[in-house]
C-alpha cells in the first residue's frame, strides 16, 4: 500500500513537472543580428546609446531595456517595419509613470 501511494505521488509529480513549460515558443531572447534592421534602427534612433534585449513577440519584436534616467524598465514592441505597436513602462514605487522622464508640473491653484 505504501509503495502504491509513493508511486502515485511520483507519477503526479512527474506529470506536473513535465506540464510546466519554462520557455514559450517565440518568446526566447534573440541575438540583435536576428532582429530585422527596421526595428533595431527605429529603437536606436529613439534611444541613442541604450542597448536592449530583444525577444520575438509573435510576428513583432520586443525591446526590453532600463531607462538610465529613471532606472525603470521599459518595453517597446515593434512590427517588422519598425513601427511602434505598443509601449510598456514600469511604474515607480509611488505609482507614477513618467515615460518621457519630464518633471511633472505642479498642480497648484493661483
PDB file of N, CA and C in Angstrom:
ATOM      1  N   UNK A   1       0.829  -1.198   0.000  1.00  0.00           N
ATOM      2  CA  UNK A   1       0.000   0.000   0.000  1.00  0.00           C
ATOM      3  C   UNK A   1       0.869   1.256   0.000  1.00  0.00           C
ATOM      4  N   UNK A   2       1.895   1.225   0.854  1.00  0.00           N
ATOM      5  CA  UNK A   2       2.797   2.369   0.939  1.00  0.00           C
ATOM      6  C   UNK A   2       3.501   2.608  -0.389  1.00  0.00           C
ATOM      7  N   UNK A   3       3.905   1.541  -1.059  1.00  0.00           N
ATOM      8  CA  UNK A   3       4.618   1.695  -2.326  1.00  0.00           C
ATOM      9  C   UNK A   3       3.685   2.243  -3.414  1.00  0.00           C
ATOM     10  N   UNK A   4       2.410   1.872  -3.370  1.00  0.00           N
ATOM     11  CA  UNK A   4       1.451   2.396  -4.354  1.00  0.00           C
ATOM     12  C   UNK A   4       1.239   3.892  -4.170  1.00  0.00           C
ATOM     13  N   UNK A   5       1.164   4.328  -2.943  1.00  0.00           N
ATOM     14  CA  UNK A   5       0.995   5.755  -2.668  1.00  0.00           C
ATOM     15  C   UNK A   5       2.214   6.528  -3.137  1.00  0.00           C
ATOM     16  N   UNK A   6       3.400   5.999  -2.865  1.00  0.00           N
ATOM     17  CA  UNK A   6       4.625   6.646  -3.326  1.00  0.00           C
ATOM     18  C   UNK A   6       4.710   6.671  -4.848  1.00  0.00           C
ATOM     19  N   UNK A   7       4.299   5.591  -5.487  1.00  0.00           N
ATOM     20  CA  UNK A   7       4.302   5.537  -6.943  1.00  0.00           C
ATOM     21  C   UNK A   7       3.321   6.560  -7.517  1.00  0.00           C
ATOM     22  N   UNK A   8       2.146   6.651  -6.945  1.00  0.00           N
ATOM     23  CA  UNK A   8       1.157   7.621  -7.385  1.00  0.00           C
ATOM     24  C   UNK A   8       1.673   9.046  -7.194  1.00  0.00           C
ATOM     25  N   UNK A   9       2.290   9.301  -6.061  1.00  0.00           N
ATOM     26  CA  UNK A   9       2.864  10.629  -5.788  1.00  0.00           C
ATOM     27  C   UNK A   9       3.967  10.964  -6.790  1.00  0.00           C
ATOM     28  N   UNK A  10       4.800   9.977  -7.109  1.00  0.00           N
ATOM     29  CA  UNK A  10       5.867  10.173  -8.081  1.00  0.00           C
ATOM     30  C   UNK A  10       5.294  10.483  -9.466  1.00  0.00           C
ATOM     31  N   UNK A  11       4.275   9.762  -9.880  1.00  0.00           N
ATOM     32  CA  UNK A  11       3.664   9.977 -11.194  1.00  0.00           C
ATOM     33  C   UNK A  11       3.017  11.357 -11.270  1.00  0.00           C
ATOM     34  N   UNK A  12       2.315  11.745 -10.219  1.00  0.00           N
ATOM     35  CA  UNK A  12       1.698  13.073 -10.207  1.00  0.00           C
ATOM     36  C   UNK A  12       2.742  14.186 -10.246  1.00  0.00           C
ATOM     37  N   UNK A  13       3.828  13.999  -9.528  1.00  0.00           N
ATOM     38  CA  UNK A  13       4.904  14.993  -9.520  1.00  0.00           C
ATOM     39  C   UNK A  13       5.537  15.099 -10.907  1.00  0.00           C
ATOM     40  N   UNK A  14       5.810  13.977 -11.527  1.00  0.00           N
ATOM     41  CA  UNK A  14       6.395  13.994 -12.876  1.00  0.00           C
ATOM     42  C   UNK A  14       5.447  14.644 -13.872  1.00  0.00           C
ATOM     43  N   UNK A  15       4.175  14.323 -13.761  1.00  0.00           N
ATOM     44  CA  UNK A  15       3.184  14.914 -14.656  1.00  0.00           C
ATOM     45  C   UNK A  15       3.149  16.428 -14.496  1.00  0.00           C
ATOM     46  N   UNK A  16       3.190  16.883 -13.271  1.00  0.00           N
ATOM     47  CA  UNK A  16       3.184  18.326 -13.007  1.00  0.00           C
ATOM     48  C   UNK A  16       4.435  18.987 -13.567  1.00  0.00           C
ATOM     49  N   UNK A  17       5.589  18.397 -13.353  1.00  0.00           N
ATOM     50  CA  UNK A  17       6.843  18.980 -13.826  1.00  0.00           C
ATOM     51  C   UNK A  17       6.916  19.018 -15.352  1.00  0.00           C
ATOM     52  N   UNK A  18       6.469  17.975 -16.006  1.00  0.00           N
ATOM     53  CA  UNK A  18       6.528  17.946 -17.468  1.00  0.00           C
ATOM     54  C   UNK A  18       5.498  18.863 -18.106  1.00  0.00           C
ATOM     55  N   UNK A  19       4.419  19.141 -17.386  1.00  0.00           N
ATOM     56  CA  UNK A  19       3.398  20.012 -17.955  1.00  0.00           C
ATOM     57  C   UNK A  19       3.791  21.482 -17.881  1.00  0.00           C
ATOM     58  N   UNK A  20       4.773  21.811 -17.055  1.00  0.00           N
ATOM     59  CA  UNK A  20       5.253  23.180 -16.938  1.00  0.00           C
ATOM     60  C   UNK A  20       6.238  23.448 -18.058  1.00  0.00           C
ATOM     61  N   UNK A  21       5.919  24.409 -18.892  1.00  0.00           N
ATOM     62  CA  UNK A  21       6.808  24.754 -19.997  1.00  0.00           C
ATOM     63  C   UNK A  21       7.525  26.039 -19.620  1.00  0.00           C
ATOM     64  N   UNK A  22       8.821  25.986 -19.461  1.00  0.00           N
ATOM     65  CA  UNK A  22       9.591  27.129 -18.992  1.00  0.00           C
ATOM     66  C   UNK A  22       9.719  28.218 -20.041  1.00  0.00           C
ATOM     67  N   UNK A  23       9.851  27.841 -21.289  1.00  0.00           N
ATOM     68  CA  UNK A  23      10.104  28.822 -22.331  1.00  0.00           C
ATOM     69  C   UNK A  23       9.048  28.693 -23.407  1.00  0.00           C
ATOM     70  N   UNK A  24       8.272  29.746 -23.603  1.00  0.00           N
ATOM     71  CA  UNK A  24       7.218  29.719 -24.606  1.00  0.00           C
ATOM     72  C   UNK A  24       7.831  29.854 -25.992  1.00  0.00           C
ATOM     73  N   UNK A  25       7.184  29.244 -26.945  1.00  0.00           N
ATOM     74  CA  UNK A  25       7.663  29.318 -28.316  1.00  0.00           C
ATOM     75  C   UNK A  25       7.599  30.758 -28.807  1.00  0.00           C
ATOM     76  N   UNK A  26       8.694  31.224 -29.391  1.00  0.00           N
ATOM     77  CA  UNK A  26       8.712  32.570 -29.940  1.00  0.00           C
ATOM     78  C   UNK A  26       8.983  33.644 -28.911  1.00  0.00           C
ATOM     79  N   UNK A  27       9.272  33.280 -27.674  1.00  0.00           N
ATOM     80  CA  UNK A  27       9.499  34.286 -26.645  1.00  0.00           C
ATOM     81  C   UNK A  27      10.918  34.219 -26.095  1.00  0.00           C
ATOM     82  N   UNK A  28      11.834  33.564 -26.818  1.00  0.00           N
ATOM     83  CA  UNK A  28      13.202  33.451 -26.350  1.00  0.00           C
ATOM     84  C   UNK A  28      13.999  34.690 -26.751  1.00  0.00           C
ATOM     85  N   UNK A  29      15.079  34.919 -26.031  1.00  0.00           N
ATOM     86  CA  UNK A  29      15.931  36.066 -26.313  1.00  0.00           C
ATOM     87  C   UNK A  29      16.581  35.898 -27.682  1.00  0.00           C
ATOM     88  N   UNK A  30      16.574  36.983 -28.429  1.00  0.00           N
ATOM     89  CA  UNK A  30      17.164  36.973 -29.766  1.00  0.00           C
ATOM     90  C   UNK A  30      18.492  37.704 -29.759  1.00  0.00           C
ATOM     91  N   UNK A  31      19.394  37.238 -30.568  1.00  0.00           N
ATOM     92  CA  UNK A  31      20.619  37.964 -30.819  1.00  0.00           C
ATOM     93  C   UNK A  31      20.241  39.176 -31.681  1.00  0.00           C
ATOM     94  N   UNK A  32      20.824  40.344 -31.453  1.00  0.00           N
ATOM     95  CA  UNK A  32      20.462  41.513 -32.260  1.00  0.00           C
ATOM     96  C   UNK A  32      20.567  41.289 -33.772  1.00  0.00           C
ATOM     97  N   UNK A  33      21.442  40.374 -34.186  1.00  0.00           N
ATOM     98  CA  UNK A  33      21.555  40.092 -35.622  1.00  0.00           C
ATOM     99  C   UNK A  33      20.343  39.334 -36.158  1.00  0.00           C
ATOM    100  N   UNK A  34      19.526  38.747 -35.269  1.00  0.00           N
ATOM    101  CA  UNK A  34      18.326  38.027 -35.681  1.00  0.00           C
ATOM    102  C   UNK A  34      17.114  38.948 -35.842  1.00  0.00           C
ATOM    103  N   UNK A  35      17.240  40.189 -35.379  1.00  0.00           N
ATOM    104  CA  UNK A  35      16.141  41.158 -35.468  1.00  0.00           C
ATOM    105  C   UNK A  35      16.288  41.922 -36.780  1.00  0.00           C
ATOM    106  N   UNK A  36      15.190  42.122 -37.517  1.00  0.00           N
ATOM    107  CA  UNK A  36      15.283  42.891 -38.763  1.00  0.00           C
ATOM    108  C   UNK A  36      15.859  44.285 -38.536  1.00  0.00           C
ATOM    109  N   UNK A  37      16.418  44.853 -39.575  1.00  0.00           N
ATOM    110  CA  UNK A  37      17.093  46.149 -39.469  1.00  0.00           C
ATOM    111  C   UNK A  37      16.140  47.276 -39.080  1.00  0.00           C
ATOM    112  N   UNK A  38      14.904  47.252 -39.573  1.00  0.00           N
ATOM    113  CA  UNK A  38      13.970  48.359 -39.307  1.00  0.00           C
ATOM    114  C   UNK A  38      13.668  48.540 -37.815  1.00  0.00           C
ATOM    115  N   UNK A  39      13.335  47.475 -37.060  1.00  0.00           N
ATOM    116  CA  UNK A  39      13.092  47.673 -35.635  1.00  0.00           C
ATOM    117  C   UNK A  39      14.335  48.127 -34.861  1.00  0.00           C
ATOM    118  N   UNK A  40      15.492  47.563 -35.183  1.00  0.00           N
ATOM    119  CA  UNK A  40      16.701  47.968 -34.464  1.00  0.00           C
ATOM    120  C   UNK A  40      17.076  49.411 -34.790  1.00  0.00           C
ATOM    121  N   UNK A  41      16.889  49.807 -36.037  1.00  0.00           N
ATOM    122  CA  UNK A  41      17.177  51.183 -36.427  1.00  0.00           C
ATOM    123  C   UNK A  41      16.220  52.149 -35.720  1.00  0.00           C
ATOM    124  N   UNK A  42      14.937  51.803 -35.680  1.00  0.00           N
ATOM    125  CA  UNK A  42      13.953  52.659 -35.013  1.00  0.00           C
ATOM    126  C   UNK A  42      14.269  52.792 -33.525  1.00  0.00           C
ATOM    127  N   UNK A  43      14.654  51.685 -32.892  1.00  0.00           N
ATOM    128  CA  UNK A  43      14.991  51.739 -31.469  1.00  0.00           C
ATOM    129  C   UNK A  43      16.218  52.606 -31.240  1.00  0.00           C
ATOM    130  N   UNK A  44      17.250  52.438 -32.055  1.00  0.00           N
ATOM    131  CA  UNK A  44      18.487  53.199 -31.889  1.00  0.00           C
ATOM    132  C   UNK A  44      18.261  54.691 -32.115  1.00  0.00           C
ATOM    133  N   UNK A  45      17.384  55.037 -33.065  1.00  0.00           N
ATOM    134  CA  UNK A  45      17.088  56.453 -33.306  1.00  0.00           C
ATOM    135  C   UNK A  45      16.326  57.069 -32.134  1.00  0.00           C
ATOM    136  N   UNK A  46      15.418  56.310 -31.541  1.00  0.00           N
ATOM    137  CA  UNK A  46      14.620  56.815 -30.424  1.00  0.00           C
ATOM    138  C   UNK A  46      15.378  56.787 -29.100  1.00  0.00           C
ATOM    139  N   UNK A  47      16.326  55.882 -28.966  1.00  0.00           N
ATOM    140  CA  UNK A  47      17.055  55.687 -27.708  1.00  0.00           C
ATOM    141  C   UNK A  47      18.551  55.562 -27.965  1.00  0.00           C
ATOM    142  N   UNK A  48      19.212  56.626 -28.375  1.00  0.00           N
ATOM    143  CA  UNK A  48      20.643  56.517 -28.699  1.00  0.00           C
ATOM    144  C   UNK A  48      21.470  56.151 -27.463  1.00  0.00           C
ATOM    145  N   UNK A  49      22.422  55.262 -27.680  1.00  0.00           N
ATOM    146  CA  UNK A  49      23.330  54.867 -26.606  1.00  0.00           C
ATOM    147  C   UNK A  49      22.767  53.854 -25.634  1.00  0.00           C
ATOM    148  N   UNK A  50      21.555  53.356 -25.857  1.00  0.00           N
ATOM    149  CA  UNK A  50      20.936  52.381 -24.959  1.00  0.00           C
ATOM    150  C   UNK A  50      20.879  51.045 -25.678  1.00  0.00           C
ATOM    151  N   UNK A  51      21.291  49.994 -24.986  1.00  0.00           N
ATOM    152  CA  UNK A  51      21.193  48.661 -25.574  1.00  0.00           C
ATOM    153  C   UNK A  51      19.967  47.957 -25.006  1.00  0.00           C
ATOM    154  N   UNK A  52      19.366  47.129 -25.819  1.00  0.00           N
ATOM    155  CA  UNK A  52      18.138  46.439 -25.431  1.00  0.00           C
ATOM    156  C   UNK A  52      18.314  44.940 -25.561  1.00  0.00           C
ATOM    157  N   UNK A  53      17.492  44.213 -24.836  1.00  0.00           N
ATOM    158  CA  UNK A  53      17.383  42.773 -25.000  1.00  0.00           C
ATOM    159  C   UNK A  53      16.175  42.535 -25.897  1.00  0.00           C
ATOM    160  N   UNK A  54      16.386  41.815 -26.976  1.00  0.00           N
ATOM    161  CA  UNK A  54      15.331  41.606 -27.964  1.00  0.00           C
ATOM    162  C   UNK A  54      14.700  40.241 -27.800  1.00  0.00           C
ATOM    163  N   UNK A  55      13.374  40.199 -27.972  1.00  0.00           N
ATOM    164  CA  UNK A  55      12.624  38.951 -27.954  1.00  0.00           C
ATOM    165  C   UNK A  55      11.612  38.969 -29.094  1.00  0.00           C
ATOM    166  N   UNK A  56      11.306  37.790 -29.600  1.00  0.00           N
ATOM    167  CA  UNK A  56      10.236  37.670 -30.587  1.00  0.00           C
ATOM    168  C   UNK A  56       8.917  37.680 -29.836  1.00  0.00           C
ATOM    169  N   UNK A  57       7.957  38.422 -30.354  1.00  0.00           N
ATOM    170  CA  UNK A  57       6.632  38.510 -29.749  1.00  0.00           C
ATOM    171  C   UNK A  57       5.617  38.252 -30.857  1.00  0.00           C
ATOM    172  N   UNK A  58       5.438  36.971 -31.201  1.00  0.00           N
ATOM    173  CA  UNK A  58       4.624  36.620 -32.364  1.00  0.00           C
ATOM    174  C   UNK A  58       5.351  37.065 -33.614  1.00  0.00           C
ATOM    175  N   UNK A  59       4.720  37.917 -34.407  1.00  0.00           N
ATOM    176  CA  UNK A  59       5.365  38.462 -35.607  1.00  0.00           C
ATOM    177  C   UNK A  59       6.088  39.768 -35.311  1.00  0.00           C
ATOM    178  N   UNK A  60       5.987  40.243 -34.077  1.00  0.00           N
ATOM    179  CA  UNK A  60       6.598  41.508 -33.678  1.00  0.00           C
ATOM    180  C   UNK A  60       7.887  41.262 -32.903  1.00  0.00           C
ATOM    181  N   UNK A  61       8.569  42.364 -32.568  1.00  0.00           N
ATOM    182  CA  UNK A  61       9.838  42.274 -31.855  1.00  0.00           C
ATOM    183  C   UNK A  61       9.791  43.188 -30.642  1.00  0.00           C
ATOM    184  N   UNK A  62      10.174  42.644 -29.493  1.00  0.00           N
ATOM    185  CA  UNK A  62      10.084  43.341 -28.217  1.00  0.00           C
ATOM    186  C   UNK A  62      11.478  43.756 -27.762  1.00  0.00           C
ATOM    187  N   UNK A  63      11.648  45.046 -27.496  1.00  0.00           N
ATOM    188  CA  UNK A  63      12.918  45.568 -26.974  1.00  0.00           C
ATOM    189  C   UNK A  63      12.728  45.880 -25.496  1.00  0.00           C
ATOM    190  N   UNK A  64      13.449  45.171 -24.634  1.00  0.00           N
ATOM    191  CA  UNK A  64      13.427  45.409 -23.187  1.00  0.00           C
ATOM    192  C   UNK A  64      14.688  46.167 -22.817  1.00  0.00           C
ATOM    193  N   UNK A  65      14.543  47.230 -22.042  1.00  0.00           N
ATOM    194  CA  UNK A  65      15.717  47.983 -21.614  1.00  0.00           C
ATOM    195  C   UNK A  65      15.410  48.732 -20.329  1.00  0.00           C
ATOM    196  N   UNK A  66      16.455  49.201 -19.684  1.00  0.00           N
ATOM    197  CA  UNK A  66      16.338  50.007 -18.473  1.00  0.00           C
ATOM    198  C   UNK A  66      16.636  51.447 -18.856  1.00  0.00           C
ATOM    199  N   UNK A  67      15.707  52.331 -18.544  1.00  0.00           N
ATOM    200  CA  UNK A  67      15.893  53.757 -18.805  1.00  0.00           C
ATOM    201  C   UNK A  67      16.965  54.275 -17.846  1.00  0.00           C
ATOM    202  N   UNK A  68      18.082  54.807 -18.364  1.00  0.00           N
ATOM    203  CA  UNK A  68      19.168  55.237 -17.482  1.00  0.00           C
ATOM    204  C   UNK A  68      18.799  56.435 -16.604  1.00  0.00           C
ATOM    205  N   UNK A  69      17.839  57.234 -17.027  1.00  0.00           N
ATOM    206  CA  UNK A  69      17.464  58.404 -16.243  1.00  0.00           C
ATOM    207  C   UNK A  69      16.608  58.024 -15.041  1.00  0.00           C
ATOM    208  N   UNK A  70      15.577  57.226 -15.268  1.00  0.00           N
ATOM    209  CA  UNK A  70      14.653  56.875 -14.188  1.00  0.00           C
ATOM    210  C   UNK A  70      14.986  55.544 -13.533  1.00  0.00           C
ATOM    211  N   UNK A  71      15.851  54.743 -14.137  1.00  0.00           N
ATOM    212  CA  UNK A  71      16.218  53.411 -13.654  1.00  0.00           C
ATOM    213  C   UNK A  71      15.017  52.458 -13.638  1.00  0.00           C
ATOM    214  N   UNK A  72      14.018  52.737 -14.473  1.00  0.00           N
ATOM    215  CA  UNK A  72      12.841  51.889 -14.573  1.00  0.00           C
ATOM    216  C   UNK A  72      12.874  51.116 -15.889  1.00  0.00           C
ATOM    217  N   UNK A  73      12.255  49.944 -15.891  1.00  0.00           N
ATOM    218  CA  UNK A  73      12.203  49.117 -17.078  1.00  0.00           C
ATOM    219  C   UNK A  73      11.238  49.671 -18.107  1.00  0.00           C
ATOM    220  N   UNK A  74      11.598  49.528 -19.355  1.00  0.00           N
ATOM    221  CA  UNK A  74      10.768  49.971 -20.469  1.00  0.00           C
ATOM    222  C   UNK A  74      10.717  48.852 -21.504  1.00  0.00           C
ATOM    223  N   UNK A  75       9.596  48.760 -22.194  1.00  0.00           N
ATOM    224  CA  UNK A  75       9.435  47.796 -23.278  1.00  0.00           C
ATOM    225  C   UNK A  75       8.801  48.527 -24.449  1.00  0.00           C
ATOM    226  N   UNK A  76       9.372  48.334 -25.627  1.00  0.00           N
ATOM    227  CA  UNK A  76       8.779  48.854 -26.853  1.00  0.00           C
ATOM    228  C   UNK A  76       8.627  47.675 -27.801  1.00  0.00           C
ATOM    229  N   UNK A  77       7.427  47.514 -28.338  1.00  0.00           N
ATOM    230  CA  UNK A  77       7.170  46.431 -29.278  1.00  0.00           C
ATOM    231  C   UNK A  77       7.031  47.031 -30.675  1.00  0.00           C
ATOM    232  N   UNK A  78       7.848  46.517 -31.586  1.00  0.00           N
ATOM    233  CA  UNK A  78       7.890  46.995 -32.968  1.00  0.00           C
ATOM    234  C   UNK A  78       7.358  45.910 -33.901  1.00  0.00           C
ATOM    235  N   UNK A  79       6.758  46.343 -35.016  1.00  0.00           N
ATOM    236  CA  UNK A  79       6.453  45.381 -36.065  1.00  0.00           C
ATOM    237  C   UNK A  79       7.702  45.234 -36.935  1.00  0.00           C
ATOM    238  N   UNK A  80       7.631  44.387 -37.958  1.00  0.00           N
ATOM    239  CA  UNK A  80       8.840  44.130 -38.759  1.00  0.00           C
ATOM    240  C   UNK A  80       9.273  45.324 -39.595  1.00  0.00           C
ATOM    241  N   UNK A  81       8.377  46.320 -39.772  1.00  0.00           N
ATOM    242  CA  UNK A  81       8.737  47.541 -40.496  1.00  0.00           C
ATOM    243  C   UNK A  81       9.326  48.606 -39.582  1.00  0.00           C
ATOM    244  N   UNK A  82       9.384  48.351 -38.281  1.00  0.00           N
ATOM    245  CA  UNK A  82       9.961  49.304 -37.338  1.00  0.00           C
ATOM    246  C   UNK A  82       8.956  50.274 -36.745  1.00  0.00           C
ATOM    247  N   UNK A  83       7.670  50.038 -36.960  1.00  0.00           N
ATOM    248  CA  UNK A  83       6.643  50.898 -36.374  1.00  0.00           C
ATOM    249  C   UNK A  83       6.317  50.424 -34.967  1.00  0.00           C
ATOM    250  N   UNK A  84       6.125  51.383 -34.062  1.00  0.00           N
ATOM    251  CA  UNK A  84       5.820  51.037 -32.676  1.00  0.00           C
ATOM    252  C   UNK A  84       4.395  50.499 -32.593  1.00  0.00           C
ATOM    253  N   UNK A  85       4.274  49.311 -32.035  1.00  0.00           N
ATOM    254  CA  UNK A  85       2.972  48.687 -31.841  1.00  0.00           C
ATOM    255  C   UNK A  85       2.442  49.026 -30.449  1.00  0.00           C
ATOM    256  N   UNK A  86       3.341  48.977 -29.462  1.00  0.00           N
ATOM    257  CA  UNK A  86       2.937  49.224 -28.079  1.00  0.00           C
ATOM    258  C   UNK A  86       4.152  49.593 -27.246  1.00  0.00           C
ATOM    259  N   UNK A  87       3.907  50.359 -26.191  1.00  0.00           N
ATOM    260  CA  UNK A  87       4.944  50.701 -25.222  1.00  0.00           C
ATOM    261  C   UNK A  87       4.466  50.294 -23.837  1.00  0.00           C
ATOM    262  N   UNK A  88       5.376  49.811 -23.024  1.00  0.00           N
ATOM    263  CA  UNK A  88       5.071  49.481 -21.636  1.00  0.00           C
ATOM    264  C   UNK A  88       6.111  50.143 -20.759  1.00  0.00           C
ATOM    265  N   UNK A  89       5.659  50.739 -19.667  1.00  0.00           N
ATOM    266  CA  UNK A  89       6.552  51.421 -18.747  1.00  0.00           C
ATOM    267  C   UNK A  89       6.378  50.867 -17.348  1.00  0.00           C
ATOM    268  N   UNK A  90       7.481  50.613 -16.685  1.00  0.00           N
ATOM    269  CA  UNK A  90       7.435  50.183 -15.299  1.00  0.00           C
ATOM    270  C   UNK A  90       6.993  51.362 -14.434  1.00  0.00           C
ATOM    271  N   UNK A  91       6.218  51.089 -13.428  1.00  0.00           N
ATOM    272  CA  UNK A  91       5.723  52.123 -12.526  1.00  0.00           C
ATOM    273  C   UNK A  91       6.670  52.216 -11.335  1.00  0.00           C
ATOM    274  N   UNK A  92       6.967  53.449 -10.894  1.00  0.00           N
ATOM    275  CA  UNK A  92       7.852  53.603  -9.746  1.00  0.00           C
ATOM    276  C   UNK A  92       7.117  53.251  -8.449  1.00  0.00           C
ATOM    277  N   UNK A  93       7.813  53.322  -7.329  1.00  0.00           N
ATOM    278  CA  UNK A  93       7.244  52.929  -6.042  1.00  0.00           C
ATOM    279  C   UNK A  93       6.082  53.809  -5.611  1.00  0.00           C
ATOM    280  N   UNK A  94       6.024  55.004  -6.136  1.00  0.00           N
ATOM    281  CA  UNK A  94       4.942  55.909  -5.780  1.00  0.00           C
ATOM    282  C   UNK A  94       3.743  55.738  -6.713  1.00  0.00           C
ATOM    283  N   UNK A  95       3.844  54.822  -7.655  1.00  0.00           N
ATOM    284  CA  UNK A  95       2.742  54.553  -8.569  1.00  0.00           C
ATOM    285  C   UNK A  95       2.660  55.516  -9.732  1.00  0.00           C
ATOM    286  N   UNK A  96       3.730  56.237  -9.994  1.00  0.00           N
ATOM    287  CA  UNK A  96       3.733  57.213 -11.075  1.00  0.00           C
ATOM    288  C   UNK A  96       4.479  56.667 -12.278  1.00  0.00           C
ATOM    289  N   UNK A  97       3.967  56.991 -13.441  1.00  0.00           N
ATOM    290  CA  UNK A  97       4.644  56.655 -14.689  1.00  0.00           C
ATOM    291  C   UNK A  97       4.970  57.963 -15.374  1.00  0.00           C
ATOM    292  N   UNK A  98       6.228  58.156 -15.712  1.00  0.00           N
ATOM    293  CA  UNK A  98       6.657  59.360 -16.398  1.00  0.00           C
ATOM    294  C   UNK A  98       7.479  58.913 -17.595  1.00  0.00           C
ATOM    295  N   UNK A  99       6.817  58.448 -18.686  1.00  0.00           N
ATOM    296  CA  UNK A  99       7.542  57.823 -19.786  1.00  0.00           C
ATOM    297  C   UNK A  99       8.537  58.711 -20.500  1.00  0.00           C
ATOM    298  N   UNK A 100       8.322  60.013 -20.526  1.00  0.00           N
ATOM    299  CA  UNK A 100       9.263  60.892 -21.208  1.00  0.00           C
ATOM    300  C   UNK A 100      10.336  61.409 -20.266  1.00  0.00           C
ATOM    301  N   UNK A 101      10.263  61.030 -18.986  1.00  0.00           N
ATOM    302  CA  UNK A 101      11.214  61.481 -17.972  1.00  0.00           C
ATOM    303  C   UNK A 101      11.236  62.994 -17.832  1.00  0.00           C
ATOM    304  N   UNK A 102      10.092  63.617 -18.024  1.00  0.00           N
ATOM    305  CA  UNK A 102       9.987  65.053 -17.844  1.00  0.00           C
ATOM    306  C   UNK A 102       9.509  65.324 -16.429  1.00  0.00           C
ATOM    307  N   UNK A 103       9.988  66.402 -15.812  1.00  0.00           N
ATOM    308  CA  UNK A 103       9.489  66.705 -14.473  1.00  0.00           C
ATOM    309  C   UNK A 103       8.007  67.033 -14.541  1.00  0.00           C
ATOM    310  N   UNK A 104       7.270  66.506 -13.571  1.00  0.00           N
ATOM    311  CA  UNK A 104       5.835  66.746 -13.562  1.00  0.00           C
ATOM    312  C   UNK A 104       5.549  68.161 -13.103  1.00  0.00           C
ATOM    313  N   UNK A 105       4.552  68.782 -13.721  1.00  0.00           N
ATOM    314  CA  UNK A 105       4.174  70.145 -13.353  1.00  0.00           C
ATOM    315  C   UNK A 105       3.355  70.093 -12.079  1.00  0.00           C
ATOM    316  N   UNK A 106       3.558  71.088 -11.232  1.00  0.00           N
ATOM    317  CA  UNK A 106       2.778  71.123 -10.008  1.00  0.00           C
ATOM    318  C   UNK A 106       1.372  71.592 -10.313  1.00  0.00           C
ATOM    319  N   UNK A 107       0.430  71.065  -9.586  1.00  0.00           N
ATOM    320  CA  UNK A 107      -0.971  71.383  -9.821  1.00  0.00           C
ATOM    321  C   UNK A 107      -1.491  72.278  -8.694  1.00  0.00           C
ATOM    322  N   UNK A 108      -0.961  73.465  -8.606  1.00  0.00           N
ATOM    323  CA  UNK A 108      -1.411  74.393  -7.575  1.00  0.00           C
ATOM    324  C   UNK A 108      -2.320  75.431  -8.206  1.00  0.00           C
ATOM    325  N   UNK A 109      -3.332  75.807  -7.448  1.00  0.00           N
ATOM    326  CA  UNK A 109      -4.251  76.846  -7.932  1.00  0.00           C
ATOM    327  C   UNK A 109      -3.719  78.205  -7.578  1.00  0.00           C
ATOM    328  N   UNK A 110      -3.915  79.149  -8.487  1.00  0.00           N
ATOM    329  CA  UNK A 110      -3.470  80.517  -8.238  1.00  0.00           C
ATOM    330  C   UNK A 110      -4.624  81.385  -7.895  1.00  0.00           C
TER     331      UNK A 110
END
